Amino acid sequence: MPKFYARRRLSIVAALTGLIASAGMLNGPSASAALPTPVSASTARSYLSSLTVSTENRTGYNRDLFPYWITVSGTCNTRETILKRDGTNVVTNSSCAATSGSWYSPYDGATWSAASDVDIDHLVPLAEAWDSGAGSWTTARRQAFANDLTRPQLLAVTDNVNQSKGDQDPATWMPSRTAYRCTYVRAWVQVKYYYGLSVDSAEKSALQGYLANC
C-alpha cells in the first residue's frame, strides 16, 4: 500500500476512534457501572482503627432531617441518577423516570426489569449516621451525605432486601451474597471515615472480622 494511502487510512481510523471516545464521554459512565470502587482492605483497616468508638444515640432522629433525592441535573434526581448508573440498557422518559432496563442487585444476586422493584440503598443508613454523629451536622451536610454520588454510599438493590436491612450495621446485617461482603465493609468504613462518624463496639468488631478475610 502506498505511504500516502496508509497515512490517510491511519488518520481516518484515529478520527473515528476520537469520535467514539467523545461519544462515550458525552454519554457518561457505562450503564453497567455500579458503586464507586471503595478503598482497599488494608486502607479500610487503617481507617477503622482511627474511628472513634462510641455508643449510639438516636435521640431526635427524623429521616426528613436528611433531604434526599435532590435534583442532580435537569429533571433527574439522585434516585434516577443511580438507577441509570447501576442499570443496563436503561431508558428514561422526559421526566427522567426509568421506563425500561435491567438492574442486578449485588446484595442478593437478583436481576430486575422494573425500576419499581429496585431501591437505592444508603449503604450507611441515614439513621445509623444520625446515631454516630450526624445529629450534630448542619442540614446541608446531611443533604450531602444522603445524596453522595462520589463516595461508595448509594447503590441500586432489590427493594425488599433493602427494607430488610433497614438501619442495621454490619454487626447485625450483611449482604446474603458472600462474594460482595468485602466490598460492602470496605465501602462502609470509607464512608464513615470520610464523614467522621463513630462506630459502636459491636460494629467495629464485626468490621474487623470481615476485613480480616478480605
C-alpha atoms as a PDB file:
ATOM      1  CA  MET A   1       0.000   0.000   0.000  1.00  0.00           C
ATOM      2  CA  PRO A   2       1.453   3.445  -0.957  1.00  0.00           C
ATOM      3  CA  LYS A   3       2.560   5.526   2.028  1.00  0.00           C
ATOM      4  CA  PHE A   4       0.050   8.302   1.222  1.00  0.00           C
ATOM      5  CA  TYR A   5      -2.918   5.939   1.436  1.00  0.00           C
ATOM      6  CA  ALA A   6      -1.517   4.213   4.521  1.00  0.00           C
ATOM      7  CA  ARG A   7      -1.178   7.556   6.301  1.00  0.00           C
ATOM      8  CA  ARG A   8      -4.667   8.572   5.198  1.00  0.00           C
ATOM      9  CA  ARG A   9      -6.128   5.293   6.442  1.00  0.00           C
ATOM     10  CA  LEU A  10      -4.429   5.725   9.814  1.00  0.00           C
ATOM     11  CA  SER A  11      -5.744   9.271  10.106  1.00  0.00           C
ATOM     12  CA  ILE A  12      -9.297   8.103   9.358  1.00  0.00           C
ATOM     13  CA  VAL A  13      -9.027   5.347  11.990  1.00  0.00           C
ATOM     14  CA  ALA A  14      -7.684   7.864  14.517  1.00  0.00           C
ATOM     15  CA  ALA A  15     -10.542  10.260  13.748  1.00  0.00           C
ATOM     16  CA  LEU A  16     -13.150   7.530  14.167  1.00  0.00           C
ATOM     17  CA  THR A  17     -11.549   6.432  17.440  1.00  0.00           C
ATOM     18  CA  GLY A  18     -11.692  10.001  18.672  1.00  0.00           C
ATOM     19  CA  LEU A  19     -15.370  10.286  17.772  1.00  0.00           C
ATOM     20  CA  ILE A  20     -16.158   7.060  19.608  1.00  0.00           C
ATOM     21  CA  ALA A  21     -14.263   8.240  22.684  1.00  0.00           C
ATOM     22  CA  SER A  22     -16.051  11.579  22.566  1.00  0.00           C
ATOM     23  CA  ALA A  23     -19.414   9.853  22.349  1.00  0.00           C
ATOM     24  CA  GLY A  24     -18.522   7.810  25.413  1.00  0.00           C
ATOM     25  CA  MET A  25     -17.671  10.984  27.310  1.00  0.00           C
ATOM     26  CA  LEU A  26     -20.962  12.587  26.321  1.00  0.00           C
ATOM     27  CA  ASN A  27     -22.952   9.543  27.351  1.00  0.00           C
ATOM     28  CA  GLY A  28     -21.301   9.475  30.777  1.00  0.00           C
ATOM     29  CA  PRO A  29     -20.397   6.272  32.641  1.00  0.00           C
ATOM     30  CA  SER A  30     -21.320   2.870  31.300  1.00  0.00           C
ATOM     31  CA  ALA A  31     -24.847   1.739  32.097  1.00  0.00           C
ATOM     32  CA  SER A  32     -23.350  -1.281  33.863  1.00  0.00           C
ATOM     33  CA  ALA A  33     -21.358   0.904  36.250  1.00  0.00           C
ATOM     34  CA  ALA A  34     -22.136   0.498  39.914  1.00  0.00           C
ATOM     35  CA  LEU A  35     -20.814   1.505  43.306  1.00  0.00           C
ATOM     36  CA  PRO A  36     -17.707   3.724  43.151  1.00  0.00           C
ATOM     37  CA  THR A  37     -14.788   1.427  43.980  1.00  0.00           C
ATOM     38  CA  PRO A  38     -14.155   1.588  47.726  1.00  0.00           C
ATOM     39  CA  VAL A  39     -10.732   1.823  49.334  1.00  0.00           C
ATOM     40  CA  SER A  40      -8.602  -1.318  49.640  1.00  0.00           C
ATOM     41  CA  ALA A  41      -8.965  -3.673  52.581  1.00  0.00           C
ATOM     42  CA  SER A  42      -5.661  -2.510  54.052  1.00  0.00           C
ATOM     43  CA  THR A  43      -6.725   1.130  53.821  1.00  0.00           C
ATOM     44  CA  ALA A  44     -10.110   0.252  55.317  1.00  0.00           C
ATOM     45  CA  ARG A  45      -8.384  -1.478  58.239  1.00  0.00           C
ATOM     46  CA  SER A  46      -6.275   1.625  58.780  1.00  0.00           C
ATOM     47  CA  TYR A  47      -9.334   3.881  58.621  1.00  0.00           C
ATOM     48  CA  LEU A  48     -11.252   1.649  61.006  1.00  0.00           C
ATOM     49  CA  SER A  49      -8.502   1.764  63.604  1.00  0.00           C
ATOM     50  CA  SER A  50      -8.779   5.561  63.673  1.00  0.00           C
ATOM     51  CA  LEU A  51     -12.566   5.758  64.089  1.00  0.00           C
ATOM     52  CA  THR A  52     -13.957   6.817  67.441  1.00  0.00           C
ATOM     53  CA  VAL A  53     -15.747   4.030  69.307  1.00  0.00           C
ATOM     54  CA  SER A  54     -18.898   5.345  70.951  1.00  0.00           C
ATOM     55  CA  THR A  55     -22.368   4.230  71.998  1.00  0.00           C
ATOM     56  CA  GLU A  56     -25.112   5.212  69.588  1.00  0.00           C
ATOM     57  CA  ASN A  57     -27.726   7.859  70.307  1.00  0.00           C
ATOM     58  CA  ARG A  58     -30.888   8.187  68.205  1.00  0.00           C
ATOM     59  CA  THR A  59     -32.461  10.994  70.206  1.00  0.00           C
ATOM     60  CA  GLY A  60     -34.201  13.452  67.892  1.00  0.00           C
ATOM     61  CA  TYR A  61     -33.791  11.402  64.696  1.00  0.00           C
ATOM     62  CA  ASN A  62     -36.153  12.072  61.813  1.00  0.00           C
ATOM     63  CA  ARG A  63     -35.492  10.873  58.263  1.00  0.00           C
ATOM     64  CA  ASP A  64     -36.694  14.216  56.910  1.00  0.00           C
ATOM     65  CA  LEU A  65     -33.659  15.847  58.536  1.00  0.00           C
ATOM     66  CA  PHE A  66     -31.665  14.294  55.657  1.00  0.00           C
ATOM     67  CA  PRO A  67     -33.039  15.895  52.450  1.00  0.00           C
ATOM     68  CA  TYR A  68     -32.663  13.057  49.943  1.00  0.00           C
ATOM     69  CA  TRP A  69     -33.280  12.546  46.226  1.00  0.00           C
ATOM     70  CA  ILE A  70     -32.451  16.125  45.363  1.00  0.00           C
ATOM     71  CA  THR A  71     -32.230  17.319  41.754  1.00  0.00           C
ATOM     72  CA  VAL A  72     -28.856  16.362  40.302  1.00  0.00           C
ATOM     73  CA  SER A  73     -29.135  17.505  36.693  1.00  0.00           C
ATOM     74  CA  GLY A  74     -32.063  18.715  34.587  1.00  0.00           C
ATOM     75  CA  THR A  75     -35.102  16.711  35.672  1.00  0.00           C
ATOM     76  CA  CYS A  76     -33.031  13.880  37.190  1.00  0.00           C
ATOM     77  CA  ASN A  77     -32.883  13.416  40.943  1.00  0.00           C
ATOM     78  CA  THR A  78     -30.436  11.286  42.910  1.00  0.00           C
ATOM     79  CA  ARG A  79     -32.510   8.103  42.731  1.00  0.00           C
ATOM     80  CA  GLU A  80     -32.942   8.384  38.977  1.00  0.00           C
ATOM     81  CA  THR A  81     -29.245   9.127  38.533  1.00  0.00           C
ATOM     82  CA  ILE A  82     -28.270   5.959  40.424  1.00  0.00           C
ATOM     83  CA  LEU A  83     -30.830   3.878  38.503  1.00  0.00           C
ATOM     84  CA  LYS A  84     -29.173   4.987  35.257  1.00  0.00           C
ATOM     85  CA  ARG A  85     -25.679   4.443  36.662  1.00  0.00           C
ATOM     86  CA  ASP A  86     -26.316   0.967  38.035  1.00  0.00           C
ATOM     87  CA  GLY A  87     -28.653  -0.356  35.354  1.00  0.00           C
ATOM     88  CA  THR A  88     -28.153  -1.885  31.921  1.00  0.00           C
ATOM     89  CA  ASN A  89     -29.916  -0.530  28.809  1.00  0.00           C
ATOM     90  CA  VAL A  90     -31.861   1.947  30.926  1.00  0.00           C
ATOM     91  CA  VAL A  91     -34.404   4.026  29.006  1.00  0.00           C
ATOM     92  CA  THR A  92     -35.881   7.129  30.643  1.00  0.00           C
ATOM     93  CA  ASN A  93     -38.762   9.424  29.759  1.00  0.00           C
ATOM     94  CA  SER A  94     -38.768  13.222  29.636  1.00  0.00           C
ATOM     95  CA  SER A  95     -39.131  13.320  33.426  1.00  0.00           C
ATOM     96  CA  CYS A  96     -36.021  11.116  33.826  1.00  0.00           C
ATOM     97  CA  ALA A  97     -38.084   8.196  35.170  1.00  0.00           C
ATOM     98  CA  ALA A  98     -36.743   4.798  34.083  1.00  0.00           C
ATOM     99  CA  THR A  99     -39.259   3.137  31.751  1.00  0.00           C
ATOM    100  CA  SER A 100     -37.184   0.051  30.955  1.00  0.00           C
ATOM    101  CA  GLY A 101     -33.846  -1.573  31.670  1.00  0.00           C
ATOM    102  CA  SER A 102     -32.414  -4.206  33.987  1.00  0.00           C
ATOM    103  CA  TRP A 103     -30.797  -3.973  37.393  1.00  0.00           C
ATOM    104  CA  TYR A 104     -28.546  -6.519  39.080  1.00  0.00           C
ATOM    105  CA  SER A 105     -28.596  -6.391  42.876  1.00  0.00           C
ATOM    106  CA  PRO A 106     -25.139  -7.300  44.235  1.00  0.00           C
ATOM    107  CA  TYR A 107     -26.553  -7.905  47.718  1.00  0.00           C
ATOM    108  CA  ASP A 108     -28.573 -10.962  46.708  1.00  0.00           C
ATOM    109  CA  GLY A 109     -27.694 -11.675  43.073  1.00  0.00           C
ATOM    110  CA  ALA A 110     -31.189 -10.965  41.742  1.00  0.00           C
ATOM    111  CA  THR A 111     -31.865  -9.154  38.456  1.00  0.00           C
ATOM    112  CA  TRP A 112     -34.935  -6.958  37.958  1.00  0.00           C
ATOM    113  CA  SER A 113     -36.529  -5.445  34.864  1.00  0.00           C
ATOM    114  CA  ALA A 114     -38.770  -2.914  36.608  1.00  0.00           C
ATOM    115  CA  ALA A 115     -37.390   0.116  38.406  1.00  0.00           C
ATOM    116  CA  SER A 116     -40.198  -0.241  40.950  1.00  0.00           C
ATOM    117  CA  ASP A 117     -38.522  -3.445  42.190  1.00  0.00           C
ATOM    118  CA  VAL A 118     -35.318  -1.561  42.965  1.00  0.00           C
ATOM    119  CA  ASP A 119     -34.454   0.631  45.934  1.00  0.00           C
ATOM    120  CA  ILE A 120     -31.458   2.921  46.251  1.00  0.00           C
ATOM    121  CA  ASP A 121     -29.717   1.828  49.418  1.00  0.00           C
ATOM    122  CA  HIS A 122     -27.876   4.275  51.632  1.00  0.00           C
ATOM    123  CA  LEU A 123     -25.052   1.859  52.375  1.00  0.00           C
ATOM    124  CA  VAL A 124     -24.507   3.586  55.720  1.00  0.00           C
ATOM    125  CA  PRO A 125     -28.175   4.166  56.629  1.00  0.00           C
ATOM    126  CA  LEU A 126     -29.389   7.640  57.485  1.00  0.00           C
ATOM    127  CA  ALA A 127     -30.459   6.560  60.978  1.00  0.00           C
ATOM    128  CA  GLU A 128     -27.087   4.895  61.537  1.00  0.00           C
ATOM    129  CA  ALA A 129     -25.354   8.114  60.514  1.00  0.00           C
ATOM    130  CA  TRP A 130     -27.504  10.055  62.958  1.00  0.00           C
ATOM    131  CA  ASP A 131     -26.675   7.584  65.722  1.00  0.00           C
ATOM    132  CA  SER A 132     -22.960   8.004  65.108  1.00  0.00           C
ATOM    133  CA  GLY A 133     -22.570  11.747  64.766  1.00  0.00           C
ATOM    134  CA  ALA A 134     -24.783  13.233  62.064  1.00  0.00           C
ATOM    135  CA  GLY A 135     -27.176  14.603  64.662  1.00  0.00           C
ATOM    136  CA  SER A 136     -24.754  17.482  65.176  1.00  0.00           C
ATOM    137  CA  TRP A 137     -24.379  18.240  61.465  1.00  0.00           C
ATOM    138  CA  THR A 138     -25.913  21.085  59.504  1.00  0.00           C
ATOM    139  CA  THR A 139     -28.821  20.249  57.209  1.00  0.00           C
ATOM    140  CA  ALA A 140     -26.549  20.960  54.231  1.00  0.00           C
ATOM    141  CA  ARG A 141     -24.062  18.299  55.353  1.00  0.00           C
ATOM    142  CA  ARG A 142     -26.839  15.783  55.971  1.00  0.00           C
ATOM    143  CA  GLN A 143     -28.135  16.501  52.461  1.00  0.00           C
ATOM    144  CA  ALA A 144     -24.671  15.940  51.003  1.00  0.00           C
ATOM    145  CA  PHE A 145     -24.453  12.609  52.849  1.00  0.00           C
ATOM    146  CA  ALA A 146     -27.902  11.459  51.694  1.00  0.00           C
ATOM    147  CA  ASN A 147     -27.125  12.217  48.033  1.00  0.00           C
ATOM    148  CA  ASP A 148     -23.403  11.383  47.825  1.00  0.00           C
ATOM    149  CA  LEU A 149     -22.570  10.229  44.303  1.00  0.00           C
ATOM    150  CA  THR A 150     -18.799  10.329  44.866  1.00  0.00           C
ATOM    151  CA  ARG A 151     -18.255   8.038  47.834  1.00  0.00           C
ATOM    152  CA  PRO A 152     -19.465   4.376  47.767  1.00  0.00           C
ATOM    153  CA  GLN A 153     -22.659   5.256  49.634  1.00  0.00           C
ATOM    154  CA  LEU A 154     -25.547   4.773  47.169  1.00  0.00           C
ATOM    155  CA  LEU A 155     -26.391   1.537  45.369  1.00  0.00           C
ATOM    156  CA  ALA A 156     -29.365   0.090  43.457  1.00  0.00           C
ATOM    157  CA  VAL A 157     -30.519  -3.132  45.125  1.00  0.00           C
ATOM    158  CA  THR A 158     -33.592  -5.367  45.462  1.00  0.00           C
ATOM    159  CA  ASP A 159     -36.253  -3.355  47.281  1.00  0.00           C
ATOM    160  CA  ASN A 160     -37.250  -5.932  49.899  1.00  0.00           C
ATOM    161  CA  VAL A 161     -33.597  -6.686  50.652  1.00  0.00           C
ATOM    162  CA  ASN A 162     -33.016  -3.004  51.322  1.00  0.00           C
ATOM    163  CA  GLN A 163     -36.106  -2.916  53.501  1.00  0.00           C
ATOM    164  CA  SER A 164     -34.958  -5.945  55.497  1.00  0.00           C
ATOM    165  CA  LYS A 165     -31.610  -4.248  56.071  1.00  0.00           C
ATOM    166  CA  GLY A 166     -33.326  -1.148  57.407  1.00  0.00           C
ATOM    167  CA  ASP A 167     -30.979   0.815  59.657  1.00  0.00           C
ATOM    168  CA  GLN A 168     -28.776  -2.136  60.696  1.00  0.00           C
ATOM    169  CA  ASP A 169     -24.989  -2.030  60.756  1.00  0.00           C
ATOM    170  CA  PRO A 170     -22.635  -4.941  59.854  1.00  0.00           C
ATOM    171  CA  ALA A 171     -22.905  -6.408  63.365  1.00  0.00           C
ATOM    172  CA  THR A 172     -26.490  -7.477  62.614  1.00  0.00           C
ATOM    173  CA  TRP A 173     -26.883  -7.385  58.816  1.00  0.00           C
ATOM    174  CA  MET A 174     -24.713  -8.238  55.834  1.00  0.00           C
ATOM    175  CA  PRO A 175     -25.496  -8.982  52.164  1.00  0.00           C
ATOM    176  CA  SER A 176     -26.581 -12.589  51.713  1.00  0.00           C
ATOM    177  CA  ARG A 177     -24.249 -12.819  48.727  1.00  0.00           C
ATOM    178  CA  THR A 178     -20.958 -13.522  50.482  1.00  0.00           C
ATOM    179  CA  ALA A 179     -18.873 -12.528  47.446  1.00  0.00           C
ATOM    180  CA  TYR A 180     -19.953  -8.920  47.981  1.00  0.00           C
ATOM    181  CA  ARG A 181     -19.244  -8.657  51.693  1.00  0.00           C
ATOM    182  CA  CYS A 182     -15.659  -7.471  51.357  1.00  0.00           C
ATOM    183  CA  THR A 183     -16.742  -4.661  49.031  1.00  0.00           C
ATOM    184  CA  TYR A 184     -19.558  -3.798  51.441  1.00  0.00           C
ATOM    185  CA  VAL A 185     -17.415  -3.433  54.543  1.00  0.00           C
ATOM    186  CA  ARG A 186     -14.669  -1.525  52.706  1.00  0.00           C
ATOM    187  CA  ALA A 187     -17.312   0.908  51.483  1.00  0.00           C
ATOM    188  CA  TRP A 188     -18.904   1.160  54.941  1.00  0.00           C
ATOM    189  CA  VAL A 189     -15.622   2.073  56.606  1.00  0.00           C
ATOM    190  CA  GLN A 190     -14.697   4.536  53.853  1.00  0.00           C
ATOM    191  CA  VAL A 191     -17.985   6.408  54.210  1.00  0.00           C
ATOM    192  CA  LYS A 192     -17.777   6.513  57.997  1.00  0.00           C
ATOM    193  CA  TYR A 193     -14.181   7.698  57.849  1.00  0.00           C
ATOM    194  CA  TYR A 194     -14.862  10.390  55.267  1.00  0.00           C
ATOM    195  CA  TYR A 195     -17.749  11.829  57.257  1.00  0.00           C
ATOM    196  CA  GLY A 196     -16.063  11.493  60.643  1.00  0.00           C
ATOM    197  CA  LEU A 197     -18.706   9.145  62.034  1.00  0.00           C
ATOM    198  CA  SER A 198     -18.131   6.882  65.024  1.00  0.00           C
ATOM    199  CA  VAL A 199     -18.642   3.138  65.356  1.00  0.00           C
ATOM    200  CA  ASP A 200     -20.023   1.184  68.291  1.00  0.00           C
ATOM    201  CA  SER A 201     -18.037  -1.699  69.753  1.00  0.00           C
ATOM    202  CA  ALA A 202     -20.095  -4.497  68.162  1.00  0.00           C
ATOM    203  CA  GLU A 203     -19.959  -2.771  64.776  1.00  0.00           C
ATOM    204  CA  LYS A 204     -16.173  -2.345  64.977  1.00  0.00           C
ATOM    205  CA  SER A 205     -15.670  -5.972  65.975  1.00  0.00           C
ATOM    206  CA  ALA A 206     -17.803  -7.166  63.052  1.00  0.00           C
ATOM    207  CA  LEU A 207     -15.977  -4.913  60.595  1.00  0.00           C
ATOM    208  CA  GLN A 208     -12.599  -6.140  61.841  1.00  0.00           C
ATOM    209  CA  GLY A 209     -13.688  -9.723  61.364  1.00  0.00           C
ATOM    210  CA  TYR A 210     -14.913  -9.218  57.819  1.00  0.00           C
ATOM    211  CA  LEU A 211     -11.919  -7.102  56.814  1.00  0.00           C
ATOM    212  CA  ALA A 212      -9.536  -9.767  58.104  1.00  0.00           C
ATOM    213  CA  ASN A 213     -10.852 -12.057  55.366  1.00  0.00           C
ATOM    214  CA  CYS A 214     -10.654  -9.521  52.533  1.00  0.00           C
END
